[in-house]
Amino acid sequence: MDIQALVEGISWHEHAVLAAMHWEEGTFVFVLETSLGDTNRRRFRIACVDAVEVELVPGRIEELDCATEHPLLLQHSGPQADLFFSSSPNSPGEIFLAAHEVIDRMLQGWRDPRQILCHGPGQFASVLARGHGLLARGPAVLVEALGRRLQGLLEVNAVHSYRKDDPLIVLTADSGYVVCASVEVTELAA
């Protein structure tokens, strides 16, 4: 069975649970159990082949989806860039808030801004006070948007570094996810 058929075939008024998660040689495997009351129980083994990121926890889920375009995939495909700064801002807090605003908007809450920004909240102001350095690293589209947002607040320069061309997909389960090369689905005996 293909993952899209499973996603489209599940009635989300059913009870769905992620269970039995483990790794098998680079493949992240979990079991999805669905049931409608005490009848119609179904179990699926879902193997996420060549998984590069996993943020799933066992438990009940409301939604399962699979996509080839998603904010989580930006860091795995397309041009990547670094954002350097070369001035000291009047208000480091304003820079911090503006950066978080752009990252949250573009990644739709799927990634913590600390995965993009090169300095945590405790270091941010002191690093900016130095007047130069690396501010952020990540997908070029995000880094460039961040640079545009910070214009007038800080002198910044986006430098394209390399291009990632990993043909990956993302499987989302509510706010959890797996980024991998492919997904294999097998229905198990109930």
N, C-alpha and C. Protein backbone atom coordinates (compact mmCIF):
# COMPACT_ATOMS: atom_id res chain seq x y z
N MET A 1 0.85 -1.18 0.00
CA MET A 1 0.00 0.00 0.00
C MET A 1 0.89 1.23 0.00
N ASP A 2 0.49 2.24 -0.71
CA ASP A 2 1.27 3.47 -0.75
C ASP A 2 0.77 4.43 0.34
N ILE A 3 1.67 5.31 0.81
CA ILE A 3 1.36 6.17 1.95
C ILE A 3 0.19 7.10 1.64
N GLN A 4 0.08 7.62 0.41
CA GLN A 4 -1.03 8.51 0.06
C GLN A 4 -2.36 7.76 0.16
N ALA A 5 -2.37 6.52 -0.27
CA ALA A 5 -3.61 5.72 -0.17
C ALA A 5 -4.00 5.54 1.30
N LEU A 6 -3.02 5.33 2.15
CA LEU A 6 -3.32 5.20 3.58
C LEU A 6 -3.84 6.51 4.14
N VAL A 7 -3.15 7.60 3.85
CA VAL A 7 -3.55 8.92 4.36
C VAL A 7 -4.98 9.25 3.93
N GLU A 8 -5.27 9.01 2.66
CA GLU A 8 -6.61 9.32 2.14
C GLU A 8 -7.65 8.30 2.58
N GLY A 9 -7.21 7.10 2.93
CA GLY A 9 -8.15 6.04 3.29
C GLY A 9 -8.58 6.02 4.74
N ILE A 10 -7.85 6.72 5.59
CA ILE A 10 -8.21 6.72 7.02
C ILE A 10 -9.32 7.73 7.26
N SER A 11 -10.36 7.30 7.94
CA SER A 11 -11.40 8.23 8.39
C SER A 11 -10.90 8.80 9.71
N TRP A 12 -10.72 10.10 9.77
CA TRP A 12 -10.11 10.68 10.96
C TRP A 12 -11.06 10.80 12.13
N HIS A 13 -12.27 10.25 11.98
CA HIS A 13 -13.13 10.12 13.16
C HIS A 13 -12.81 8.80 13.87
N GLU A 14 -11.98 8.00 13.23
CA GLU A 14 -11.50 6.78 13.87
C GLU A 14 -10.46 7.14 14.93
N HIS A 15 -10.20 6.21 15.80
CA HIS A 15 -9.15 6.36 16.80
C HIS A 15 -7.84 5.93 16.15
N ALA A 16 -6.85 6.81 16.10
CA ALA A 16 -5.56 6.47 15.49
C ALA A 16 -4.45 6.68 16.51
N VAL A 17 -3.55 5.70 16.59
CA VAL A 17 -2.47 5.73 17.58
C VAL A 17 -1.15 5.35 16.90
N LEU A 18 -0.11 6.14 17.20
CA LEU A 18 1.25 5.79 16.78
C LEU A 18 1.83 4.91 17.89
N ALA A 19 2.40 3.77 17.51
CA ALA A 19 2.91 2.84 18.52
C ALA A 19 4.16 2.13 18.00
N ALA A 20 4.83 1.43 18.89
CA ALA A 20 5.94 0.52 18.55
C ALA A 20 6.99 1.15 17.64
N MET A 21 7.58 2.25 18.05
CA MET A 21 8.59 2.93 17.23
C MET A 21 9.97 2.36 17.48
N HIS A 22 10.74 2.18 16.39
CA HIS A 22 12.12 1.71 16.51
C HIS A 22 12.89 1.97 15.21
N TRP A 23 14.19 1.80 15.27
CA TRP A 23 15.08 1.97 14.11
C TRP A 23 15.51 0.60 13.60
N GLU A 24 15.59 0.47 12.28
CA GLU A 24 16.14 -0.73 11.62
C GLU A 24 17.11 -0.26 10.53
N GLU A 25 18.40 -0.16 10.84
CA GLU A 25 19.43 0.17 9.86
C GLU A 25 19.09 1.40 9.00
N GLY A 26 18.91 2.54 9.61
CA GLY A 26 18.64 3.78 8.89
C GLY A 26 17.18 3.99 8.53
N THR A 27 16.35 3.03 8.83
CA THR A 27 14.92 3.14 8.56
C THR A 27 14.18 3.27 9.89
N PHE A 28 13.38 4.32 10.00
CA PHE A 28 12.57 4.53 11.20
C PHE A 28 11.22 3.85 10.96
N VAL A 29 10.86 2.96 11.87
CA VAL A 29 9.65 2.16 11.71
C VAL A 29 8.71 2.42 12.87
N PHE A 30 7.43 2.57 12.54
CA PHE A 30 6.41 2.65 13.60
C PHE A 30 5.15 1.96 13.13
N VAL A 31 4.28 1.69 14.08
CA VAL A 31 3.01 1.05 13.77
C VAL A 31 1.91 2.08 13.99
N LEU A 32 1.01 2.17 13.03
CA LEU A 32 -0.18 3.00 13.15
C LEU A 32 -1.36 2.06 13.36
N GLU A 33 -2.06 2.26 14.46
CA GLU A 33 -3.24 1.45 14.76
C GLU A 33 -4.47 2.34 14.64
N THR A 34 -5.47 1.86 13.92
CA THR A 34 -6.72 2.60 13.80
C THR A 34 -7.87 1.69 14.21
N SER A 35 -8.91 2.29 14.76
CA SER A 35 -10.10 1.51 15.08
C SER A 35 -11.31 2.43 15.14
N LEU A 36 -12.44 1.88 14.83
CA LEU A 36 -13.70 2.57 14.92
C LEU A 36 -14.50 1.80 15.96
N GLY A 37 -14.45 2.28 17.20
CA GLY A 37 -15.08 1.53 18.29
C GLY A 37 -14.31 0.25 18.56
N ASP A 38 -15.01 -0.81 18.88
CA ASP A 38 -14.37 -2.10 19.15
C ASP A 38 -14.22 -2.93 17.89
N THR A 39 -14.71 -2.43 16.78
CA THR A 39 -14.66 -3.18 15.53
C THR A 39 -13.75 -2.47 14.54
N ASN A 40 -13.53 -3.14 13.45
CA ASN A 40 -12.78 -2.55 12.34
C ASN A 40 -11.39 -2.06 12.74
N ARG A 41 -10.69 -2.84 13.56
CA ARG A 41 -9.33 -2.49 13.98
C ARG A 41 -8.36 -2.84 12.85
N ARG A 42 -7.47 -1.87 12.53
CA ARG A 42 -6.47 -2.09 11.49
C ARG A 42 -5.11 -1.64 12.02
N ARG A 43 -4.05 -2.31 11.58
CA ARG A 43 -2.68 -1.98 11.98
C ARG A 43 -1.82 -1.89 10.73
N PHE A 44 -0.97 -0.86 10.70
CA PHE A 44 -0.09 -0.64 9.56
C PHE A 44 1.34 -0.46 10.05
N ARG A 45 2.28 -1.14 9.39
CA ARG A 45 3.70 -0.93 9.64
C ARG A 45 4.15 0.14 8.66
N ILE A 46 4.68 1.24 9.19
CA ILE A 46 5.13 2.33 8.34
C ILE A 46 6.64 2.45 8.49
N ALA A 47 7.34 2.23 7.38
CA ALA A 47 8.81 2.27 7.37
C ALA A 47 9.25 3.53 6.63
N CYS A 48 9.92 4.41 7.33
CA CYS A 48 10.44 5.66 6.77
C CYS A 48 11.91 5.42 6.41
N VAL A 49 12.15 5.16 5.13
CA VAL A 49 13.45 4.74 4.63
C VAL A 49 14.42 5.93 4.57
N ASP A 50 15.66 5.71 5.03
CA ASP A 50 16.70 6.74 5.05
C ASP A 50 16.23 8.00 5.76
N ALA A 51 15.67 7.81 6.95
CA ALA A 51 15.18 8.94 7.74
C ALA A 51 16.34 9.83 8.19
N VAL A 52 16.19 11.14 7.99
CA VAL A 52 17.23 12.09 8.38
C VAL A 52 16.81 12.94 9.58
N GLU A 53 15.51 13.00 9.84
CA GLU A 53 14.98 13.71 11.00
C GLU A 53 13.75 12.98 11.50
N VAL A 54 13.68 12.83 12.81
CA VAL A 54 12.50 12.20 13.41
C VAL A 54 12.11 12.98 14.65
N GLU A 55 10.89 13.44 14.66
CA GLU A 55 10.31 14.12 15.83
C GLU A 55 8.90 13.58 16.01
N LEU A 56 8.80 12.34 16.43
CA LEU A 56 7.51 11.69 16.68
C LEU A 56 7.51 11.11 18.08
N VAL A 57 6.34 11.11 18.68
CA VAL A 57 6.18 10.45 19.98
C VAL A 57 4.97 9.53 19.88
N PRO A 58 5.01 8.41 20.57
CA PRO A 58 3.86 7.50 20.54
C PRO A 58 2.64 8.18 21.15
N GLY A 59 1.48 7.78 20.67
CA GLY A 59 0.24 8.30 21.21
C GLY A 59 -0.80 8.54 20.14
N ARG A 60 -1.93 9.04 20.58
CA ARG A 60 -3.07 9.30 19.69
C ARG A 60 -2.74 10.46 18.75
N ILE A 61 -3.18 10.34 17.51
CA ILE A 61 -3.00 11.44 16.54
C ILE A 61 -4.34 11.77 15.91
N GLU A 62 -4.44 13.01 15.45
CA GLU A 62 -5.65 13.50 14.80
C GLU A 62 -5.50 13.55 13.28
N GLU A 63 -4.23 13.62 12.81
CA GLU A 63 -4.01 13.79 11.37
C GLU A 63 -2.68 13.19 10.96
N LEU A 64 -2.66 12.56 9.80
CA LEU A 64 -1.44 12.03 9.20
C LEU A 64 -1.39 12.56 7.77
N ASP A 65 -0.22 13.03 7.34
CA ASP A 65 -0.10 13.55 5.98
C ASP A 65 1.31 13.26 5.46
N CYS A 66 1.45 13.29 4.16
CA CYS A 66 2.73 13.07 3.51
C CYS A 66 2.87 14.11 2.42
N ALA A 67 4.06 14.76 2.32
CA ALA A 67 4.23 15.83 1.34
C ALA A 67 5.65 15.85 0.77
N THR A 68 5.74 16.31 -0.45
CA THR A 68 7.05 16.53 -1.09
C THR A 68 7.44 17.99 -1.04
N GLU A 69 6.50 18.87 -0.67
CA GLU A 69 6.78 20.29 -0.45
C GLU A 69 6.24 20.65 0.92
N HIS A 70 7.12 21.17 1.77
CA HIS A 70 6.75 21.47 3.16
C HIS A 70 7.84 22.34 3.75
N PRO A 71 7.52 23.22 4.69
CA PRO A 71 8.56 24.05 5.32
C PRO A 71 9.71 23.24 5.93
N LEU A 72 9.44 22.04 6.41
CA LEU A 72 10.50 21.21 6.99
C LEU A 72 11.53 20.77 5.95
N LEU A 73 11.14 20.74 4.69
CA LEU A 73 12.04 20.27 3.64
C LEU A 73 12.97 21.35 3.12
N LEU A 74 12.73 22.62 3.47
CA LEU A 74 13.57 23.71 2.97
C LEU A 74 15.04 23.52 3.34
N GLN A 75 15.31 22.95 4.50
CA GLN A 75 16.70 22.75 4.92
C GLN A 75 17.35 21.55 4.24
N HIS A 76 16.57 20.82 3.46
CA HIS A 76 17.09 19.62 2.81
C HIS A 76 17.12 19.73 1.29
N SER A 77 16.60 20.82 0.75
CA SER A 77 16.61 20.96 -0.71
C SER A 77 16.72 22.43 -1.09
N GLY A 78 17.36 22.67 -2.21
CA GLY A 78 17.50 24.03 -2.70
C GLY A 78 18.72 24.72 -2.13
N PRO A 79 18.89 25.97 -2.55
CA PRO A 79 20.07 26.73 -2.12
C PRO A 79 20.03 27.03 -0.62
N GLN A 80 21.19 26.99 -0.03
CA GLN A 80 21.36 27.31 1.38
C GLN A 80 22.21 28.58 1.46
N ALA A 81 22.11 29.30 2.56
CA ALA A 81 22.85 30.56 2.66
C ALA A 81 23.20 30.86 4.11
N ASP A 82 24.14 31.78 4.28
CA ASP A 82 24.54 32.30 5.58
C ASP A 82 24.22 33.78 5.60
N LEU A 83 23.79 34.31 6.74
CA LEU A 83 23.52 35.73 6.88
C LEU A 83 24.53 36.32 7.85
N PHE A 84 25.38 37.19 7.32
CA PHE A 84 26.40 37.85 8.12
C PHE A 84 25.94 39.26 8.46
N PHE A 85 26.40 39.78 9.59
CA PHE A 85 26.09 41.17 9.95
C PHE A 85 27.40 41.92 10.17
N SER A 86 27.35 43.25 9.91
CA SER A 86 28.57 44.05 10.03
C SER A 86 28.29 45.43 10.64
N SER A 87 27.44 45.45 11.63
CA SER A 87 27.17 46.68 12.38
C SER A 87 26.61 46.30 13.74
N SER A 88 26.59 47.24 14.65
CA SER A 88 25.99 47.02 15.97
C SER A 88 24.62 47.69 15.98
N PRO A 89 23.58 46.94 16.32
CA PRO A 89 22.24 47.52 16.32
C PRO A 89 21.99 48.37 17.57
N ASN A 90 21.06 49.30 17.45
CA ASN A 90 20.64 50.09 18.62
C ASN A 90 19.84 49.23 19.58
N SER A 91 19.09 48.26 19.02
CA SER A 91 18.22 47.43 19.85
C SER A 91 18.36 45.96 19.47
N PRO A 92 19.25 45.22 20.15
CA PRO A 92 19.39 43.78 19.86
C PRO A 92 18.07 43.02 20.05
N GLY A 93 17.26 43.47 21.01
CA GLY A 93 15.97 42.82 21.23
C GLY A 93 15.06 42.92 20.03
N GLU A 94 15.10 44.06 19.35
CA GLU A 94 14.28 44.25 18.15
C GLU A 94 14.75 43.31 17.04
N ILE A 95 16.06 43.13 16.92
CA ILE A 95 16.62 42.21 15.92
C ILE A 95 16.17 40.78 16.25
N PHE A 96 16.27 40.42 17.52
CA PHE A 96 15.89 39.08 17.97
C PHE A 96 14.41 38.81 17.64
N LEU A 97 13.54 39.74 17.98
CA LEU A 97 12.10 39.57 17.72
C LEU A 97 11.80 39.53 16.23
N ALA A 98 12.43 40.39 15.46
CA ALA A 98 12.22 40.42 14.00
C ALA A 98 12.68 39.10 13.37
N ALA A 99 13.81 38.57 13.82
CA ALA A 99 14.32 37.30 13.30
C ALA A 99 13.33 36.17 13.61
N HIS A 100 12.84 36.13 14.83
CA HIS A 100 11.87 35.09 15.21
C HIS A 100 10.59 35.21 14.40
N GLU A 101 10.15 36.43 14.16
CA GLU A 101 8.94 36.67 13.38
C GLU A 101 9.07 36.09 11.98
N VAL A 102 10.19 36.37 11.31
CA VAL A 102 10.41 35.87 9.94
C VAL A 102 10.50 34.34 9.94
N ILE A 103 11.27 33.79 10.85
CA ILE A 103 11.45 32.34 10.90
C ILE A 103 10.12 31.64 11.18
N ASP A 104 9.38 32.14 12.15
CA ASP A 104 8.08 31.53 12.47
C ASP A 104 7.11 31.61 11.29
N ARG A 105 7.09 32.74 10.62
CA ARG A 105 6.17 32.92 9.48
C ARG A 105 6.55 31.98 8.34
N MET A 106 7.83 31.90 8.01
CA MET A 106 8.24 31.10 6.86
C MET A 106 8.23 29.59 7.13
N LEU A 107 8.54 29.21 8.35
CA LEU A 107 8.58 27.78 8.67
C LEU A 107 7.30 27.31 9.36
N GLN A 108 6.37 28.23 9.52
CA GLN A 108 5.04 27.93 10.04
C GLN A 108 5.07 27.17 11.37
N GLY A 109 6.07 27.50 12.19
CA GLY A 109 6.16 26.89 13.51
C GLY A 109 6.74 25.48 13.53
N TRP A 110 7.14 24.96 12.38
CA TRP A 110 7.66 23.59 12.33
C TRP A 110 9.08 23.46 12.87
N ARG A 111 9.84 24.55 12.89
CA ARG A 111 11.21 24.50 13.41
C ARG A 111 11.39 25.56 14.47
N ASP A 112 12.19 25.24 15.45
CA ASP A 112 12.58 26.19 16.47
C ASP A 112 13.54 27.19 15.83
N PRO A 113 13.35 28.50 16.03
CA PRO A 113 14.26 29.49 15.44
C PRO A 113 15.73 29.25 15.80
N ARG A 114 15.99 28.57 16.91
CA ARG A 114 17.38 28.27 17.29
C ARG A 114 18.07 27.35 16.29
N GLN A 115 17.29 26.67 15.43
CA GLN A 115 17.89 25.83 14.39
C GLN A 115 18.39 26.67 13.22
N ILE A 116 17.97 27.93 13.15
CA ILE A 116 18.38 28.83 12.07
C ILE A 116 19.36 29.88 12.59
N LEU A 117 19.02 30.49 13.71
CA LEU A 117 19.89 31.52 14.29
C LEU A 117 21.14 30.88 14.86
N CYS A 118 22.26 31.53 14.70
CA CYS A 118 23.54 30.95 15.12
C CYS A 118 23.86 31.21 16.60
N HIS A 119 23.01 31.99 17.27
CA HIS A 119 23.27 32.30 18.67
C HIS A 119 21.96 32.23 19.45
N GLY A 120 22.03 31.64 20.63
CA GLY A 120 20.85 31.52 21.47
C GLY A 120 20.49 32.83 22.15
N PRO A 121 19.35 32.87 22.80
CA PRO A 121 18.88 34.09 23.44
C PRO A 121 19.89 34.70 24.43
N GLY A 122 20.60 33.87 25.16
CA GLY A 122 21.56 34.36 26.14
C GLY A 122 22.79 35.03 25.54
N GLN A 123 23.14 34.68 24.31
CA GLN A 123 24.34 35.22 23.65
C GLN A 123 24.02 36.29 22.62
N PHE A 124 22.77 36.35 22.20
CA PHE A 124 22.39 37.16 21.05
C PHE A 124 22.86 38.62 21.16
N ALA A 125 22.53 39.28 22.25
CA ALA A 125 22.87 40.71 22.40
C ALA A 125 24.38 40.92 22.42
N SER A 126 25.13 40.07 23.13
CA SER A 126 26.58 40.27 23.21
C SER A 126 27.26 40.01 21.88
N VAL A 127 26.77 39.05 21.11
CA VAL A 127 27.33 38.78 19.78
C VAL A 127 27.06 39.97 18.86
N LEU A 128 25.84 40.50 18.89
CA LEU A 128 25.52 41.66 18.05
C LEU A 128 26.33 42.88 18.46
N ALA A 129 26.62 43.02 19.73
CA ALA A 129 27.39 44.17 20.22
C ALA A 129 28.81 44.18 19.63
N ARG A 130 29.34 43.03 19.25
CA ARG A 130 30.67 42.95 18.63
C ARG A 130 30.72 43.66 17.29
N GLY A 131 29.55 43.75 16.62
CA GLY A 131 29.49 44.50 15.37
C GLY A 131 29.73 43.71 14.10
N HIS A 132 30.03 42.42 14.21
CA HIS A 132 30.21 41.60 13.01
C HIS A 132 30.13 40.13 13.38
N GLY A 133 29.73 39.32 12.40
CA GLY A 133 29.68 37.88 12.64
C GLY A 133 28.58 37.21 11.83
N LEU A 134 28.39 35.94 12.12
CA LEU A 134 27.38 35.12 11.46
C LEU A 134 26.11 35.18 12.30
N LEU A 135 24.99 35.55 11.68
CA LEU A 135 23.72 35.69 12.39
C LEU A 135 22.83 34.47 12.22
N ALA A 136 22.75 33.97 10.96
CA ALA A 136 21.83 32.86 10.68
C ALA A 136 22.36 32.00 9.55
N ARG A 137 21.89 30.76 9.53
CA ARG A 137 22.29 29.81 8.49
C ARG A 137 21.09 28.93 8.18
N GLY A 138 20.81 28.74 6.88
CA GLY A 138 19.69 27.89 6.52
C GLY A 138 19.28 28.05 5.08
N PRO A 139 18.02 27.72 4.77
CA PRO A 139 17.53 27.84 3.39
C PRO A 139 17.67 29.27 2.89
N ALA A 140 18.17 29.43 1.67
CA ALA A 140 18.42 30.77 1.12
C ALA A 140 17.15 31.62 1.10
N VAL A 141 16.03 31.03 0.79
CA VAL A 141 14.79 31.81 0.73
C VAL A 141 14.46 32.41 2.10
N LEU A 142 14.74 31.68 3.16
CA LEU A 142 14.50 32.18 4.51
C LEU A 142 15.56 33.21 4.90
N VAL A 143 16.82 32.91 4.63
CA VAL A 143 17.92 33.82 4.98
C VAL A 143 17.75 35.15 4.25
N GLU A 144 17.36 35.10 2.98
CA GLU A 144 17.15 36.34 2.22
C GLU A 144 15.97 37.15 2.78
N ALA A 145 14.89 36.47 3.16
CA ALA A 145 13.74 37.16 3.77
C ALA A 145 14.14 37.79 5.10
N LEU A 146 14.95 37.09 5.85
CA LEU A 146 15.44 37.62 7.12
C LEU A 146 16.30 38.87 6.87
N GLY A 147 17.16 38.81 5.87
CA GLY A 147 17.99 39.95 5.52
C GLY A 147 17.16 41.17 5.13
N ARG A 148 16.10 40.93 4.33
CA ARG A 148 15.22 42.04 3.94
C ARG A 148 14.53 42.65 5.16
N ARG A 149 14.08 41.81 6.08
CA ARG A 149 13.39 42.29 7.27
C ARG A 149 14.31 43.11 8.18
N LEU A 150 15.58 42.76 8.20
CA LEU A 150 16.52 43.44 9.10
C LEU A 150 17.14 44.70 8.48
N GLN A 151 16.89 44.94 7.19
CA GLN A 151 17.43 46.15 6.55
C GLN A 151 16.95 47.38 7.32
N GLY A 152 17.85 48.29 7.56
CA GLY A 152 17.55 49.49 8.32
C GLY A 152 17.76 49.32 9.81
N LEU A 153 17.82 48.07 10.27
CA LEU A 153 18.07 47.79 11.68
C LEU A 153 19.50 47.32 11.90
N LEU A 154 20.07 46.69 10.87
CA LEU A 154 21.38 46.06 10.97
C LEU A 154 21.94 45.90 9.56
N GLU A 155 23.23 46.12 9.39
CA GLU A 155 23.86 45.88 8.09
C GLU A 155 24.05 44.36 7.95
N VAL A 156 23.42 43.78 6.91
CA VAL A 156 23.49 42.34 6.72
C VAL A 156 23.85 42.01 5.29
N ASN A 157 24.40 40.80 5.10
CA ASN A 157 24.78 40.32 3.78
C ASN A 157 24.52 38.81 3.73
N ALA A 158 23.66 38.41 2.81
CA ALA A 158 23.38 36.98 2.61
C ALA A 158 24.38 36.41 1.61
N VAL A 159 25.03 35.33 1.99
CA VAL A 159 26.01 34.67 1.14
C VAL A 159 25.54 33.24 0.87
N HIS A 160 25.30 32.95 -0.41
CA HIS A 160 24.89 31.59 -0.77
C HIS A 160 26.08 30.66 -0.56
N SER A 161 25.82 29.53 0.09
CA SER A 161 26.93 28.64 0.43
C SER A 161 26.96 27.37 -0.41
N TYR A 162 25.86 26.69 -0.57
CA TYR A 162 25.82 25.44 -1.33
C TYR A 162 24.37 25.12 -1.62
N ARG A 163 24.16 24.10 -2.41
CA ARG A 163 22.82 23.67 -2.76
C ARG A 163 22.63 22.23 -2.30
N LYS A 164 21.50 21.98 -1.66
CA LYS A 164 21.15 20.62 -1.27
C LYS A 164 20.11 20.10 -2.26
N ASP A 165 20.30 18.90 -2.71
CA ASP A 165 19.35 18.31 -3.64
C ASP A 165 18.91 16.93 -3.16
N ASP A 166 18.61 16.85 -1.89
CA ASP A 166 18.15 15.59 -1.33
C ASP A 166 16.67 15.41 -1.68
N PRO A 167 16.33 14.40 -2.46
CA PRO A 167 14.92 14.18 -2.82
C PRO A 167 14.17 13.52 -1.65
N LEU A 168 13.74 14.35 -0.71
CA LEU A 168 13.12 13.84 0.50
C LEU A 168 11.64 14.17 0.56
N ILE A 169 10.95 13.47 1.44
CA ILE A 169 9.54 13.74 1.72
C ILE A 169 9.39 13.90 3.22
N VAL A 170 8.27 14.45 3.63
CA VAL A 170 7.99 14.57 5.05
C VAL A 170 6.65 13.90 5.34
N LEU A 171 6.65 13.12 6.39
CA LEU A 171 5.44 12.48 6.90
C LEU A 171 5.12 13.20 8.20
N THR A 172 3.95 13.85 8.28
CA THR A 172 3.58 14.57 9.50
C THR A 172 2.45 13.84 10.20
N ALA A 173 2.54 13.84 11.52
CA ALA A 173 1.50 13.27 12.38
C ALA A 173 1.23 14.32 13.45
N ASP A 174 0.18 15.10 13.25
CA ASP A 174 -0.10 16.26 14.09
C ASP A 174 1.12 17.17 14.05
N SER A 175 1.74 17.45 15.20
CA SER A 175 2.91 18.34 15.19
C SER A 175 4.23 17.56 15.11
N GLY A 176 4.18 16.25 15.02
CA GLY A 176 5.37 15.43 14.86
C GLY A 176 5.64 15.15 13.40
N TYR A 177 6.87 14.68 13.11
CA TYR A 177 7.22 14.45 11.71
C TYR A 177 8.40 13.51 11.57
N VAL A 178 8.53 13.00 10.33
CA VAL A 178 9.70 12.24 9.90
C VAL A 178 10.06 12.76 8.52
N VAL A 179 11.33 13.13 8.32
CA VAL A 179 11.84 13.51 7.01
C VAL A 179 12.66 12.32 6.53
N CYS A 180 12.32 11.81 5.33
CA CYS A 180 12.98 10.60 4.84
C CYS A 180 12.94 10.55 3.32
N ALA A 181 13.60 9.53 2.77
CA ALA A 181 13.66 9.38 1.32
C ALA A 181 12.37 8.79 0.75
N SER A 182 11.79 7.85 1.46
CA SER A 182 10.54 7.22 1.00
C SER A 182 9.83 6.57 2.18
N VAL A 183 8.58 6.23 1.95
CA VAL A 183 7.77 5.59 2.99
C VAL A 183 7.16 4.33 2.42
N GLU A 184 7.31 3.23 3.16
CA GLU A 184 6.72 1.95 2.77
C GLU A 184 5.67 1.58 3.80
N VAL A 185 4.48 1.19 3.32
CA VAL A 185 3.38 0.85 4.21
C VAL A 185 2.97 -0.59 3.97
N THR A 186 2.83 -1.33 5.08
CA THR A 186 2.37 -2.71 5.02
C THR A 186 1.26 -2.87 6.04
N GLU A 187 0.13 -3.41 5.60
CA GLU A 187 -0.95 -3.67 6.56
C GLU A 187 -0.64 -4.96 7.30
N LEU A 188 -0.75 -4.90 8.62
CA LEU A 188 -0.47 -6.04 9.48
C LEU A 188 -1.78 -6.73 9.87
N ALA A 189 -1.67 -7.94 10.27
CA ALA A 189 -2.85 -8.64 10.77
C ALA A 189 -3.29 -7.98 12.07
N ALA A 190 -4.58 -7.79 12.23
CA ALA A 190 -5.10 -7.12 13.43
C ALA A 190 -4.95 -8.06 14.59
